[in-house]
C-alpha atoms as a PDB file:
ATOM      1  CA  MET A   1     -27.128-151.860-368.277  1.00  0.00           C
ATOM      2  CA  ARG A   2     -23.555-151.511-367.076  1.00  0.00           C
ATOM      3  CA  LEU A   3     -22.115-154.989-366.609  1.00  0.00           C
ATOM      4  CA  PRO A   4     -18.929-156.525-367.972  1.00  0.00           C
ATOM      5  CA  ALA A   5     -19.416-158.983-370.858  1.00  0.00           C
ATOM      6  CA  GLU A   6     -18.338-161.865-368.677  1.00  0.00           C
ATOM      7  CA  ARG A   7     -21.036-161.230-366.118  1.00  0.00           C
ATOM      8  CA  ILE A   8     -23.646-160.843-368.801  1.00  0.00           C
ATOM      9  CA  ALA A   9     -22.700-164.275-370.202  1.00  0.00           C
ATOM     10  CA  GLU A  10     -22.872-165.759-366.723  1.00  0.00           C
ATOM     11  CA  LEU A  11     -26.332-164.387-366.183  1.00  0.00           C
ATOM     12  CA  ILE A  12     -27.615-165.657-369.576  1.00  0.00           C
ATOM     13  CA  GLY A  13     -26.153-169.099-368.693  1.00  0.00           C
ATOM     14  CA  GLU A  14     -27.968-169.125-365.375  1.00  0.00           C
ATOM     15  CA  LEU A  15     -31.247-168.145-367.028  1.00  0.00           C
ATOM     16  CA  ASP A  16     -30.815-170.811-369.682  1.00  0.00           C
ATOM     17  CA  ALA A  17     -30.213-173.385-366.943  1.00  0.00           C
ATOM     18  CA  GLU A  18     -33.349-172.314-365.167  1.00  0.00           C
ATOM     19  CA  ASP A  19     -35.350-172.623-368.416  1.00  0.00           C
ATOM     20  CA  ALA A  20     -33.986-176.154-368.924  1.00  0.00           C
ATOM     21  CA  LYS A  21     -35.022-177.156-365.389  1.00  0.00           C
ATOM     22  CA  SER A  22     -38.542-175.807-365.824  1.00  0.00           C
ATOM     23  CA  LYS A  23     -39.072-177.850-368.964  1.00  0.00           C
ATOM     24  CA  SER A  24     -41.783-175.371-369.919  1.00  0.00           C
ATOM     25  CA  ARG A  25     -43.701-176.167-373.088  1.00  0.00           C
ATOM     26  CA  ARG A  26     -43.590-173.518-375.746  1.00  0.00           C
ATOM     27  CA  ALA A  27     -45.427-173.294-379.063  1.00  0.00           C
ATOM     28  CA  GLN A  28     -42.164-172.367-380.884  1.00  0.00           C
ATOM     29  CA  ALA A  29     -38.674-173.828-380.259  1.00  0.00           C
ATOM     30  CA  ARG A  30     -36.188-171.355-378.830  1.00  0.00           C
ATOM     31  CA  PHE A  31     -32.581-171.156-379.864  1.00  0.00           C
ATOM     32  CA  PRO A  32     -29.585-169.507-378.076  1.00  0.00           C
ATOM     33  CA  PHE A  33     -29.165-166.099-379.627  1.00  0.00           C
ATOM     34  CA  GLN A  34     -26.300-164.170-378.085  1.00  0.00           C
ATOM     35  CA  ALA A  35     -25.891-161.562-380.790  1.00  0.00           C
ATOM     36  CA  GLY A  36     -24.073-159.116-378.566  1.00  0.00           C
ATOM     37  CA  ARG A  37     -25.549-155.606-378.761  1.00  0.00           C
ATOM     38  CA  CYS A  38     -28.958-155.358-380.408  1.00  0.00           C
ATOM     39  CA  VAL A  39     -30.970-152.166-380.829  1.00  0.00           C
ATOM     40  CA  VAL A  40     -34.466-152.224-379.446  1.00  0.00           C
ATOM     41  CA  ALA A  41     -36.951-149.375-379.149  1.00  0.00           C
ATOM     42  CA  LEU A  42     -39.327-149.517-376.177  1.00  0.00           C
ATOM     43  CA  GLN A  43     -42.492-147.499-375.758  1.00  0.00           C
ATOM     44  CA  HIS A  44     -44.164-147.827-372.335  1.00  0.00           C
ATOM     45  CA  PRO A  45     -48.005-147.539-372.185  1.00  0.00           C
ATOM     46  CA  GLY A  46     -48.929-143.876-372.045  1.00  0.00           C
ATOM     47  CA  SER A  47     -45.527-142.725-373.371  1.00  0.00           C
ATOM     48  CA  ALA A  48     -45.550-140.496-376.370  1.00  0.00           C
ATOM     49  CA  THR A  49     -42.269-141.628-377.913  1.00  0.00           C
ATOM     50  CA  PRO A  50     -40.149-144.791-377.855  1.00  0.00           C
ATOM     51  CA  GLN A  51     -36.715-144.946-376.380  1.00  0.00           C
ATOM     52  CA  SER A  52     -33.873-146.882-378.016  1.00  0.00           C
ATOM     53  CA  PHE A  53     -31.458-149.099-376.087  1.00  0.00           C
ATOM     54  CA  ASP A  54     -28.486-151.453-376.896  1.00  0.00           C
ATOM     55  CA  VAL A  55     -29.345-154.752-375.202  1.00  0.00           C
ATOM     56  CA  PRO A  56     -27.721-158.168-374.969  1.00  0.00           C
ATOM     57  CA  THR A  57     -29.946-160.823-376.500  1.00  0.00           C
ATOM     58  CA  ARG A  58     -30.575-164.234-374.962  1.00  0.00           C
ATOM     59  CA  ASN A  59     -32.697-166.457-377.277  1.00  0.00           C
ATOM     60  CA  LEU A  60     -34.870-166.305-380.331  1.00  0.00           C
ATOM     61  CA  SER A  61     -37.835-168.179-381.770  1.00  0.00           C
ATOM     62  CA  ALA A  62     -40.167-167.786-384.737  1.00  0.00           C
ATOM     63  CA  SER A  63     -42.561-165.840-382.590  1.00  0.00           C
ATOM     64  CA  GLY A  64     -40.397-163.836-380.206  1.00  0.00           C
ATOM     65  CA  MET A  65     -37.110-163.240-378.327  1.00  0.00           C
ATOM     66  CA  SER A  66     -35.654-162.559-374.937  1.00  0.00           C
ATOM     67  CA  PHE A  67     -33.080-159.958-373.972  1.00  0.00           C
ATOM     68  CA  LEU A  68     -31.582-158.346-370.865  1.00  0.00           C
ATOM     69  CA  HIS A  69     -32.451-154.810-369.902  1.00  0.00           C
ATOM     70  CA  GLY A  70     -31.359-152.433-367.224  1.00  0.00           C
ATOM     71  CA  GLY A  71     -34.872-151.416-366.029  1.00  0.00           C
ATOM     72  CA  TYR A  72     -38.341-152.679-365.534  1.00  0.00           C
ATOM     73  CA  VAL A  73     -40.535-152.831-368.618  1.00  0.00           C
ATOM     74  CA  HIS A  74     -44.361-152.977-368.324  1.00  0.00           C
ATOM     75  CA  SER A  75     -46.099-155.849-370.027  1.00  0.00           C
ATOM     76  CA  GLY A  76     -47.929-154.606-373.023  1.00  0.00           C
ATOM     77  CA  SER A  77     -45.227-152.136-373.944  1.00  0.00           C
ATOM     78  CA  ALA A  78     -44.678-151.724-377.685  1.00  0.00           C
ATOM     79  CA  CYS A  79     -41.250-152.760-378.777  1.00  0.00           C
ATOM     80  CA  SER A  80     -39.365-153.008-382.061  1.00  0.00           C
ATOM     81  CA  VAL A  81     -36.035-154.614-382.761  1.00  0.00           C
ATOM     82  CA  GLU A  82     -33.462-154.544-385.547  1.00  0.00           C
ATOM     83  CA  LEU A  83     -32.246-158.068-386.177  1.00  0.00           C
ATOM     84  CA  ILE A  84     -29.158-158.665-388.367  1.00  0.00           C
ATOM     85  CA  GLY A  85     -29.267-161.885-390.366  1.00  0.00           C
ATOM     86  CA  LEU A  86     -26.597-164.412-391.121  1.00  0.00           C
ATOM     87  CA  HIS A  87     -26.560-162.950-394.605  1.00  0.00           C
ATOM     88  CA  GLY A  88     -25.724-159.486-393.328  1.00  0.00           C
ATOM     89  CA  THR A  89     -28.994-157.688-393.859  1.00  0.00           C
ATOM     90  CA  TRP A  90     -31.117-155.941-391.289  1.00  0.00           C
ATOM     91  CA  THR A  91     -34.762-156.810-390.580  1.00  0.00           C
ATOM     92  CA  HIS A  92     -37.186-154.645-388.580  1.00  0.00           C
ATOM     93  CA  VAL A  93     -39.532-156.598-386.372  1.00  0.00           C
ATOM     94  CA  SER A  94     -42.118-155.098-384.003  1.00  0.00           C
ATOM     95  CA  GLY A  95     -44.012-156.620-381.095  1.00  0.00           C
ATOM     96  CA  ILE A  96     -45.114-156.258-377.505  1.00  0.00           C
ATOM     97  CA  VAL A  97     -43.485-157.114-374.186  1.00  0.00           C
ATOM     98  CA  VAL A  98     -45.100-160.146-372.535  1.00  0.00           C
ATOM     99  CA  ARG A  99     -42.770-160.741-369.681  1.00  0.00           C
ATOM    100  CA  CYS A 100     -40.324-158.852-367.491  1.00  0.00           C
ATOM    101  CA  GLN A 101     -38.503-160.821-364.813  1.00  0.00           C
ATOM    102  CA  TYR A 102     -36.231-159.394-362.142  1.00  0.00           C
ATOM    103  CA  VAL A 103     -32.781-161.023-362.321  1.00  0.00           C
ATOM    104  CA  GLN A 104     -30.652-158.874-360.047  1.00  0.00           C
ATOM    105  CA  GLU A 105     -30.351-155.177-359.266  1.00  0.00           C
ATOM    106  CA  GLY A 106     -30.339-153.329-362.536  1.00  0.00           C
ATOM    107  CA  VAL A 107     -30.980-156.368-364.672  1.00  0.00           C
ATOM    108  CA  TYR A 108     -34.268-157.651-366.070  1.00  0.00           C
ATOM    109  CA  ASP A 109     -35.050-160.501-368.415  1.00  0.00           C
ATOM    110  CA  VAL A 110     -37.516-159.259-371.015  1.00  0.00           C
ATOM    111  CA  GLY A 111     -39.717-161.439-373.212  1.00  0.00           C
ATOM    112  CA  LEU A 112     -40.892-160.018-376.518  1.00  0.00           C
ATOM    113  CA  LYS A 113     -43.672-161.428-378.707  1.00  0.00           C
ATOM    114  CA  PHE A 114     -43.398-160.494-382.378  1.00  0.00           C
ATOM    115  CA  ASN A 115     -46.354-159.222-384.365  1.00  0.00           C
ATOM    116  CA  ARG A 116     -45.508-161.716-387.136  1.00  0.00           C
ATOM    117  CA  LEU A 117     -43.575-164.869-387.479  1.00  0.00           C
ATOM    118  CA  ILE A 118     -39.973-164.869-388.622  1.00  0.00           C
ATOM    119  CA  ALA A 119     -37.627-167.583-389.785  1.00  0.00           C
ATOM    120  CA  PRO A 120     -35.212-167.922-386.833  1.00  0.00           C
ATOM    121  CA  GLU A 121     -32.650-169.811-388.933  1.00  0.00           C
ATOM    122  CA  GLU A 122     -32.171-166.566-390.961  1.00  0.00           C
ATOM    123  CA  PHE A 123     -30.649-164.912-387.909  1.00  0.00           C
ATOM    124  CA  CYS A 124     -29.395-167.788-385.670  1.00  0.00           C
ATOM    125  CA  ARG A 125     -27.016-170.540-386.881  1.00  0.00           C
ATOM    126  CA  GLY A 126     -28.229-172.804-384.076  1.00  0.00           C
ATOM    127  CA  ALA A 127     -31.751-172.708-385.625  1.00  0.00           C
ATOM    128  CA  VAL A 128     -30.529-174.116-388.888  1.00  0.00           C
ATOM    129  CA  SER A 129     -31.976-177.620-389.256  1.00  0.00           C
ATOM    130  CA  PHE A 130     -30.874-180.553-391.411  1.00  0.00           C
ATOM    131  CA  THR A 131     -32.115-184.021-392.103  1.00  0.00           C
ATOM    132  CA  VAL A 132     -30.364-187.227-391.097  1.00  0.00           C
ATOM    133  CA  LEU A 133     -31.070-190.835-391.959  1.00  0.00           C
ATOM    134  CA  LEU A 134     -29.933-192.835-388.956  1.00  0.00           C
ATOM    135  CA  VAL A 135     -29.220-196.479-389.887  1.00  0.00           C
ATOM    136  CA  GLU A 136     -29.106-198.594-386.701  1.00  0.00           C
ATOM    137  CA  ASP A 137     -30.619-201.944-385.932  1.00  0.00           C
ATOM    138  CA  CYS A 138     -30.394-201.753-382.106  1.00  0.00           C
ATOM    139  CA  PRO A 139     -33.462-199.817-380.849  1.00  0.00           C
ATOM    140  CA  ALA A 140     -31.750-198.586-377.676  1.00  0.00           C
ATOM    141  CA  THR A 141     -28.727-197.298-379.477  1.00  0.00           C
ATOM    142  CA  ALA A 142     -30.978-195.719-382.088  1.00  0.00           C
ATOM    143  CA  ARG A 143     -32.855-193.804-379.415  1.00  0.00           C
ATOM    144  CA  ILE A 144     -29.633-192.504-377.893  1.00  0.00           C
ATOM    145  CA  HIS A 145     -28.182-191.388-381.211  1.00  0.00           C
ATOM    146  CA  GLN A 146     -31.483-189.808-382.255  1.00  0.00           C
ATOM    147  CA  HIS A 147     -31.551-187.826-379.047  1.00  0.00           C
ATOM    148  CA  VAL A 148     -28.011-186.557-379.711  1.00  0.00           C
ATOM    149  CA  LEU A 149     -28.800-185.645-383.277  1.00  0.00           C
ATOM    150  CA  GLU A 150     -31.970-183.783-382.368  1.00  0.00           C
ATOM    151  CA  GLN A 151     -29.971-181.706-379.934  1.00  0.00           C
ATOM    152  CA  PHE A 152     -28.101-180.485-383.043  1.00  0.00           C
ATOM    153  CA  ASN A 153     -31.541-179.515-384.475  1.00  0.00           C
ATOM    154  CA  ALA A 154     -31.517-182.395-386.848  1.00  0.00           C
ATOM    155  CA  LYS A 155     -34.673-184.040-388.191  1.00  0.00           C
ATOM    156  CA  VAL A 156     -34.034-187.725-387.906  1.00  0.00           C
ATOM    157  CA  GLN A 157     -35.547-190.681-389.866  1.00  0.00           C
ATOM    158  CA  LEU A 158     -34.662-194.315-388.802  1.00  0.00           C
ATOM    159  CA  ALA A 159     -33.692-197.330-390.882  1.00  0.00           C
ATOM    160  CA  ALA A 160     -33.101-200.741-389.249  1.00  0.00           C
ATOM    161  CA  ASN A 161     -30.856-202.243-392.031  1.00  0.00           C
ATOM    162  CA  GLY A 162     -28.804-201.334-394.985  1.00  0.00           C
ATOM    163  CA  LEU A 163     -31.387-202.326-397.627  1.00  0.00           C
ATOM    164  CA  GLU A 164     -34.038-200.140-395.989  1.00  0.00           C
ATOM    165  CA  ALA A 165     -31.518-197.265-395.955  1.00  0.00           C
ATOM    166  CA  VAL A 166     -30.863-197.615-399.741  1.00  0.00           C
ATOM    167  CA  ASP A 167     -34.601-197.643-400.442  1.00  0.00           C
ATOM    168  CA  LEU A 168     -35.234-194.548-398.220  1.00  0.00           C
ATOM    169  CA  ALA A 169     -32.333-192.600-399.748  1.00  0.00           C
ATOM    170  CA  ALA A 170     -33.879-193.331-403.186  1.00  0.00           C
ATOM    171  CA  ALA A 171     -37.220-191.827-402.184  1.00  0.00           C
ATOM    172  CA  ASN A 172     -36.127-188.949-399.870  1.00  0.00           C
ATOM    173  CA  ARG A 173     -33.464-186.312-399.559  1.00  0.00           C
ATOM    174  CA  TYR A 174     -31.090-186.300-396.574  1.00  0.00           C
ATOM    175  CA  ASP A 175     -28.291-183.964-395.657  1.00  0.00           C
ATOM    176  CA  ALA A 176     -26.406-186.831-394.005  1.00  0.00           C
ATOM    177  CA  ILE A 177     -26.629-190.576-393.413  1.00  0.00           C
ATOM    178  CA  LEU A 178     -25.221-191.938-390.147  1.00  0.00           C
ATOM    179  CA  MET A 179     -24.568-195.537-391.175  1.00  0.00           C
ATOM    180  CA  ASP A 180     -23.830-198.400-388.757  1.00  0.00           C
ATOM    181  CA  MET A 181     -21.660-201.021-390.336  1.00  0.00           C
ATOM    182  CA  ASP A 182     -22.852-204.160-388.679  1.00  0.00           C
ATOM    183  CA  LEU A 183     -26.381-204.388-389.934  1.00  0.00           C
ATOM    184  CA  PRO A 184     -28.789-207.244-390.760  1.00  0.00           C
ATOM    185  CA  VAL A 185     -30.141-207.945-394.319  1.00  0.00           C
ATOM    186  CA  MET A 186     -27.424-205.738-395.872  1.00  0.00           C
ATOM    187  CA  ASP A 187     -24.391-204.449-393.943  1.00  0.00           C
ATOM    188  CA  GLY A 188     -23.306-200.830-393.962  1.00  0.00           C
ATOM    189  CA  LEU A 189     -20.407-201.329-396.285  1.00  0.00           C
ATOM    190  CA  GLU A 190     -22.569-202.810-399.020  1.00  0.00           C
ATOM    191  CA  ALA A 191     -25.279-200.204-398.432  1.00  0.00           C
ATOM    192  CA  THR A 192     -22.796-197.437-398.835  1.00  0.00           C
ATOM    193  CA  ARG A 193     -21.435-198.935-402.061  1.00  0.00           C
ATOM    194  CA  ARG A 194     -24.999-199.190-403.448  1.00  0.00           C
ATOM    195  CA  LEU A 195     -25.824-195.628-402.460  1.00  0.00           C
ATOM    196  CA  ARG A 196     -22.766-194.317-404.217  1.00  0.00           C
ATOM    197  CA  ALA A 197     -23.463-196.516-407.242  1.00  0.00           C
ATOM    198  CA  ASN A 198     -26.999-195.130-407.407  1.00  0.00           C
ATOM    199  CA  GLY A 199     -25.642-191.585-407.468  1.00  0.00           C
ATOM    200  CA  TYR A 200     -26.164-190.509-403.845  1.00  0.00           C
ATOM    201  CA  HIS A 201     -23.763-187.598-403.250  1.00  0.00           C
ATOM    202  CA  GLY A 202     -24.704-186.678-399.678  1.00  0.00           C
ATOM    203  CA  LEU A 203     -22.592-187.040-396.587  1.00  0.00           C
ATOM    204  CA  ILE A 204     -22.248-190.617-395.265  1.00  0.00           C
ATOM    205  CA  VAL A 205     -20.736-191.085-391.859  1.00  0.00           C
ATOM    206  CA  ALA A 206     -19.692-194.566-390.808  1.00  0.00           C
ATOM    207  CA  ALA A 207     -20.550-195.494-387.248  1.00  0.00           C
ATOM    208  CA  THR A 208     -19.000-198.746-385.967  1.00  0.00           C
ATOM    209  CA  GLY A 209     -17.512-200.443-383.012  1.00  0.00           C
ATOM    210  CA  MET A 210     -14.658-201.678-385.102  1.00  0.00           C
ATOM    211  CA  ASP A 211     -11.783-199.277-384.320  1.00  0.00           C
ATOM    212  CA  ARG A 212      -8.824-200.733-386.204  1.00  0.00           C
ATOM    213  CA  PRO A 213      -7.172-198.573-388.847  1.00  0.00           C
ATOM    214  CA  GLU A 214      -8.014-201.205-391.524  1.00  0.00           C
ATOM    215  CA  ASP A 215     -11.669-201.010-390.508  1.00  0.00           C
ATOM    216  CA  GLN A 216     -11.660-197.226-391.043  1.00  0.00           C
ATOM    217  CA  ALA A 217     -10.010-197.618-394.396  1.00  0.00           C
ATOM    218  CA  ARG A 218     -12.623-200.141-395.504  1.00  0.00           C
ATOM    219  CA  CYS A 219     -15.410-197.659-394.601  1.00  0.00           C
ATOM    220  CA  LEU A 220     -13.708-194.890-396.587  1.00  0.00           C
ATOM    221  CA  GLN A 221     -13.075-197.130-399.540  1.00  0.00           C
ATOM    222  CA  ALA A 222     -16.711-198.108-399.619  1.00  0.00           C
ATOM    223  CA  GLY A 223     -17.655-194.484-400.059  1.00  0.00           C
ATOM    224  CA  CYS A 224     -18.017-193.081-396.519  1.00  0.00           C
ATOM    225  CA  ASP A 225     -16.870-189.458-396.061  1.00  0.00           C
ATOM    226  CA  ALA A 226     -16.073-189.806-392.386  1.00  0.00           C
ATOM    227  CA  TYR A 227     -15.833-192.339-389.572  1.00  0.00           C
ATOM    228  CA  VAL A 228     -16.943-192.219-385.898  1.00  0.00           C
ATOM    229  CA  ALA A 229     -16.290-195.013-383.496  1.00  0.00           C
ATOM    230  CA  LYS A 230     -18.911-196.344-381.102  1.00  0.00           C
ATOM    231  CA  PRO A 231     -19.818-195.256-378.549  1.00  0.00           C
ATOM    232  CA  ILE A 232     -20.148-192.055-380.542  1.00  0.00           C
ATOM    233  CA  ASN A 233     -18.176-189.081-379.173  1.00  0.00           C
ATOM    234  CA  ARG A 234     -20.642-186.159-379.164  1.00  0.00           C
ATOM    235  CA  ARG A 235     -18.017-183.536-379.939  1.00  0.00           C
ATOM    236  CA  GLU A 236     -16.541-185.554-382.795  1.00  0.00           C
ATOM    237  CA  LEU A 237     -20.023-186.001-384.324  1.00  0.00           C
ATOM    238  CA  GLU A 238     -20.790-182.274-383.861  1.00  0.00           C
ATOM    239  CA  THR A 239     -17.634-181.378-385.708  1.00  0.00           C
ATOM    240  CA  ILE A 240     -18.436-183.636-388.599  1.00  0.00           C
ATOM    241  CA  LEU A 241     -22.112-182.477-388.877  1.00  0.00           C
ATOM    242  CA  GLY A 242     -21.266-178.832-388.165  1.00  0.00           C
ATOM    243  CA  ALA A 243     -20.420-178.297-391.835  1.00  0.00           C
ATOM    244  CA  LEU A 244     -24.152-178.939-392.587  1.00  0.00           C
ATOM    245  CA  LYS A 245     -25.233-175.920-390.549  1.00  0.00           C
ATOM    246  CA  ARG A 246     -24.539-173.497-393.354  1.00  0.00           C
ATOM    247  CA  GLU A 247     -26.539-170.378-393.931  1.00  0.00           C
ATOM    248  CA  PRO A 248     -29.908-171.331-395.438  1.00  0.00           C
ATOM    249  CA  LEU A 249     -31.045-169.915-398.734  1.00  0.00           C
ATOM    250  CA  PHE A 250     -34.132-167.762-398.727  1.00  0.00           C
ATOM    251  CA  SER A 251     -35.745-166.413-401.886  1.00  0.00           C
ATOM    252  CA  SER A 252     -34.787-162.789-402.586  1.00  0.00           C
ATOM    253  CA  LEU A 253     -38.189-162.178-404.197  1.00  0.00           C
ATOM    254  CA  GLU A 254     -40.457-159.657-402.619  1.00  0.00           C
ATOM    255  CA  GLY A 255     -44.196-160.156-402.342  1.00  0.00           C
ATOM    256  CA  GLY A 256     -47.033-161.558-400.332  1.00  0.00           C
ATOM    257  CA  GLU A 257     -48.596-164.991-399.807  1.00  0.00           C
ATOM    258  CA  ASP A 258     -48.994-165.694-403.537  1.00  0.00           C
ATOM    259  CA  VAL A 259     -45.303-165.274-404.232  1.00  0.00           C
ATOM    260  CA  ALA A 260     -44.339-167.273-401.158  1.00  0.00           C
ATOM    261  CA  ASN A 261     -46.613-170.106-402.397  1.00  0.00           C
ATOM    262  CA  LEU A 262     -44.903-170.121-405.801  1.00  0.00           C
ATOM    263  CA  VAL A 263     -41.432-170.249-404.155  1.00  0.00           C
ATOM    264  CA  ALA A 264     -42.677-173.160-401.904  1.00  0.00           C
ATOM    265  CA  VAL A 265     -43.735-175.156-404.934  1.00  0.00           C
ATOM    266  CA  PHE A 266     -40.325-174.743-406.515  1.00  0.00           C
ATOM    267  CA  VAL A 267     -38.465-175.745-403.328  1.00  0.00           C
ATOM    268  CA  ASP A 268     -40.750-178.697-402.735  1.00  0.00           C
ATOM    269  CA  GLY A 269     -39.906-180.007-406.160  1.00  0.00           C
ATOM    270  CA  LEU A 270     -36.102-179.849-405.748  1.00  0.00           C
ATOM    271  CA  PRO A 271     -35.700-183.274-404.104  1.00  0.00           C
ATOM    272  CA  ASP A 272     -37.132-184.946-407.201  1.00  0.00           C
ATOM    273  CA  LEU A 273     -34.837-182.786-409.455  1.00  0.00           C
ATOM    274  CA  VAL A 274     -31.822-183.779-407.399  1.00  0.00           C
ATOM    275  CA  ARG A 275     -32.661-187.484-407.719  1.00  0.00           C
ATOM    276  CA  SER A 276     -33.049-187.073-411.497  1.00  0.00           C
ATOM    277  CA  ILE A 277     -29.697-185.293-411.686  1.00  0.00           C
ATOM    278  CA  GLU A 278     -27.951-187.959-409.691  1.00  0.00           C
ATOM    279  CA  SER A 279     -29.581-190.647-411.802  1.00  0.00           C
ATOM    280  CA  ALA A 280     -28.426-189.001-415.005  1.00  0.00           C
ATOM    281  CA  PHE A 281     -24.905-188.675-413.575  1.00  0.00           C
ATOM    282  CA  VAL A 282     -24.781-192.433-412.703  1.00  0.00           C
ATOM    283  CA  ARG A 283     -26.000-193.406-416.159  1.00  0.00           C
ATOM    284  CA  ARG A 284     -23.448-191.015-417.783  1.00  0.00           C
ATOM    285  CA  GLU A 285     -26.303-189.337-419.737  1.00  0.00           C
ATOM    286  CA  VAL A 286     -24.493-186.162-420.597  1.00  0.00           C
ATOM    287  CA  GLU A 287     -27.209-184.364-422.502  1.00  0.00           C
ATOM    288  CA  GLU A 288     -29.849-185.142-419.859  1.00  0.00           C
ATOM    289  CA  LEU A 289     -27.530-183.985-417.066  1.00  0.00           C
ATOM    290  CA  ALA A 290     -26.846-180.722-418.921  1.00  0.00           C
ATOM    291  CA  ARG A 291     -30.552-180.230-419.517  1.00  0.00           C
ATOM    292  CA  LEU A 292     -31.474-180.762-415.832  1.00  0.00           C
ATOM    293  CA  ALA A 293     -28.653-178.465-414.726  1.00  0.00           C
ATOM    294  CA  LYS A 294     -29.946-175.784-417.099  1.00  0.00           C
ATOM    295  CA  ARG A 295     -33.501-176.251-415.672  1.00  0.00           C
ATOM    296  CA  VAL A 296     -32.284-175.740-412.083  1.00  0.00           C
ATOM    297  CA  ARG A 297     -30.214-172.702-413.236  1.00  0.00           C
ATOM    298  CA  ASN A 298     -33.205-171.033-414.904  1.00  0.00           C
ATOM    299  CA  GLU A 299     -35.802-171.830-412.242  1.00  0.00           C
ATOM    300  CA  ALA A 300     -33.579-171.038-409.247  1.00  0.00           C
ATOM    301  CA  GLY A 301     -32.828-167.659-410.877  1.00  0.00           C
ATOM    302  CA  VAL A 302     -36.478-166.915-411.470  1.00  0.00           C
ATOM    303  CA  PHE A 303     -37.460-167.759-407.884  1.00  0.00           C
ATOM    304  CA  GLY A 304     -34.707-165.706-406.285  1.00  0.00           C
ATOM    305  CA  PHE A 305     -32.046-168.314-405.322  1.00  0.00           C
ATOM    306  CA  ALA A 306     -28.951-166.825-406.923  1.00  0.00           C
ATOM    307  CA  PRO A 307     -26.296-169.062-405.330  1.00  0.00           C
ATOM    308  CA  LEU A 308     -28.176-172.178-406.429  1.00  0.00           C
ATOM    309  CA  SER A 309     -28.648-170.790-409.938  1.00  0.00           C
ATOM    310  CA  GLU A 310     -24.927-169.966-410.204  1.00  0.00           C
ATOM    311  CA  GLN A 311     -23.815-173.500-409.069  1.00  0.00           C
ATOM    312  CA  ALA A 312     -26.267-175.154-411.497  1.00  0.00           C
ATOM    313  CA  GLY A 313     -24.890-172.978-414.297  1.00  0.00           C
ATOM    314  CA  ARG A 314     -21.363-174.061-413.255  1.00  0.00           C
ATOM    315  CA  LEU A 315     -22.387-177.694-413.474  1.00  0.00           C
ATOM    316  CA  GLU A 316     -24.048-177.208-416.871  1.00  0.00           C
ATOM    317  CA  SER A 317     -20.950-175.489-418.359  1.00  0.00           C
ATOM    318  CA  LEU A 318     -18.649-178.252-417.071  1.00  0.00           C
ATOM    319  CA  VAL A 319     -20.872-181.038-418.286  1.00  0.00           C
ATOM    320  CA  ARG A 320     -20.825-179.506-421.819  1.00  0.00           C
ATOM    321  CA  ALA A 321     -17.129-179.081-421.682  1.00  0.00           C
ATOM    322  CA  THR A 322     -16.005-182.545-420.706  1.00  0.00           C
ATOM    323  CA  GLN A 323     -17.020-186.213-421.187  1.00  0.00           C
ATOM    324  CA  ASP A 324     -15.322-187.203-417.935  1.00  0.00           C
ATOM    325  CA  LEU A 325     -18.231-186.813-415.522  1.00  0.00           C
ATOM    326  CA  SER A 326     -16.301-188.395-412.636  1.00  0.00           C
ATOM    327  CA  SER A 327     -14.326-185.107-412.351  1.00  0.00           C
ATOM    328  CA  LEU A 328     -17.588-183.284-411.543  1.00  0.00           C
ATOM    329  CA  THR A 329     -18.368-185.080-408.339  1.00  0.00           C
ATOM    330  CA  ALA A 330     -17.471-182.133-406.067  1.00  0.00           C
ATOM    331  CA  VAL A 331     -19.513-179.679-408.210  1.00  0.00           C
ATOM    332  CA  LEU A 332     -22.499-182.002-408.101  1.00  0.00           C
ATOM    333  CA  ARG A 333     -22.225-182.457-404.363  1.00  0.00           C
ATOM    334  CA  GLU A 334     -22.198-178.712-403.802  1.00  0.00           C
ATOM    335  CA  LEU A 335     -25.267-178.331-405.972  1.00  0.00           C
ATOM    336  CA  THR A 336     -27.193-180.995-404.006  1.00  0.00           C
ATOM    337  CA  GLN A 337     -26.156-179.404-400.684  1.00  0.00           C
ATOM    338  CA  LEU A 338     -27.347-175.965-401.912  1.00  0.00           C
ATOM    339  CA  CYS A 339     -30.691-177.563-402.877  1.00  0.00           C
ATOM    340  CA  GLY A 340     -30.955-178.813-399.308  1.00  0.00           C
ATOM    341  CA  LEU A 341     -30.343-175.366-397.975  1.00  0.00           C
ATOM    342  CA  THR A 342     -33.208-173.713-399.811  1.00  0.00           C
ATOM    343  CA  ARG A 343     -36.175-172.722-397.764  1.00  0.00           C
ATOM    344  CA  ARG A 344     -39.842-172.376-398.671  1.00  0.00           C
ATOM    345  CA  THR A 345     -40.137-168.941-397.038  1.00  0.00           C
ATOM    346  CA  LEU A 346     -39.165-165.511-398.265  1.00  0.00           C
ATOM    347  CA  ARG A 347     -36.619-163.442-396.364  1.00  0.00           C
ATOM    348  CA  SER A 348     -38.056-161.999-393.218  1.00  0.00           C
ATOM    349  CA  SER A 349     -37.323-158.551-394.466  1.00  0.00           C
ATOM    350  CA  THR A 350     -39.937-159.109-397.155  1.00  0.00           C
ATOM    351  CA  GLY A 351     -42.543-160.062-394.652  1.00  0.00           C
ATOM    352  CA  GLY A 352     -42.462-163.802-395.402  1.00  0.00           C
ATOM    353  CA  VAL A 353     -43.366-166.262-392.675  1.00  0.00           C
END
């Protein structure tokens, strides 16, 4: 397919716009996946050998992908693709062509269904999800903010007041809390102070209609990491939350369903471990904090999460070397963020789903 990159980008934008208008329901969420040149091998029915092509990709899901091609491809044609992950490794995925739509002369939009499920967030940063606690007492405002957050691929839980937010954060793990300041029962400032006093090290973003410099300073002094004025500017919020869309951590272990189940049990237990670590930090229980860090270091290493194991080991060493735990806040925050990045699945290259 001989088209300049600018024209290919235009065509992909037009096709995406058509998809948005159709509002078609799909079993798997699709994410923009413009990876540039991607190698696919197509084998038409009745053909003895496959042919390899460099194609521009369009979108990706757990069960398939779309790409542009310079010729018509029969439905049912066997196809394989080499996907490069965010971590730099290659994964071979095979499937069959389920759709070939004419776009213009010499350009077809091809839909491929994979023979097995993949983890799209391993290859596409837009597919990386994160959890947000949205603290907002106005139902209409909450709906709008939830819609914006979900467009960033966030999983959103709602709290109507500051006290509810404190209780939810004690029982669940969130990558970020979007905290309104003017709340009933307990305002956002006091809720933030209590969260920090309880050892919560996650991102807290203040959202308020108060836009004076002294208001912003009060939010930051209470323990907020960032500040957005209402009505919330979408781009500003995207910039703040963009740091959460880091490369997810998949286990490097190889194996089948049994291994994947063991990894899942470890990952599912991490939120409780994080809360125990934060609690020991707040109570200044040095030995308990070191013990828990060592546990994470050992278990993360066993289950194939090397970055998490290394960070836990770093925390353990620093805890044993100093009595001033307040200096370890940044190290602990990085550890809790890495825990949130771990995934229950193995890398796609190992056949995990």
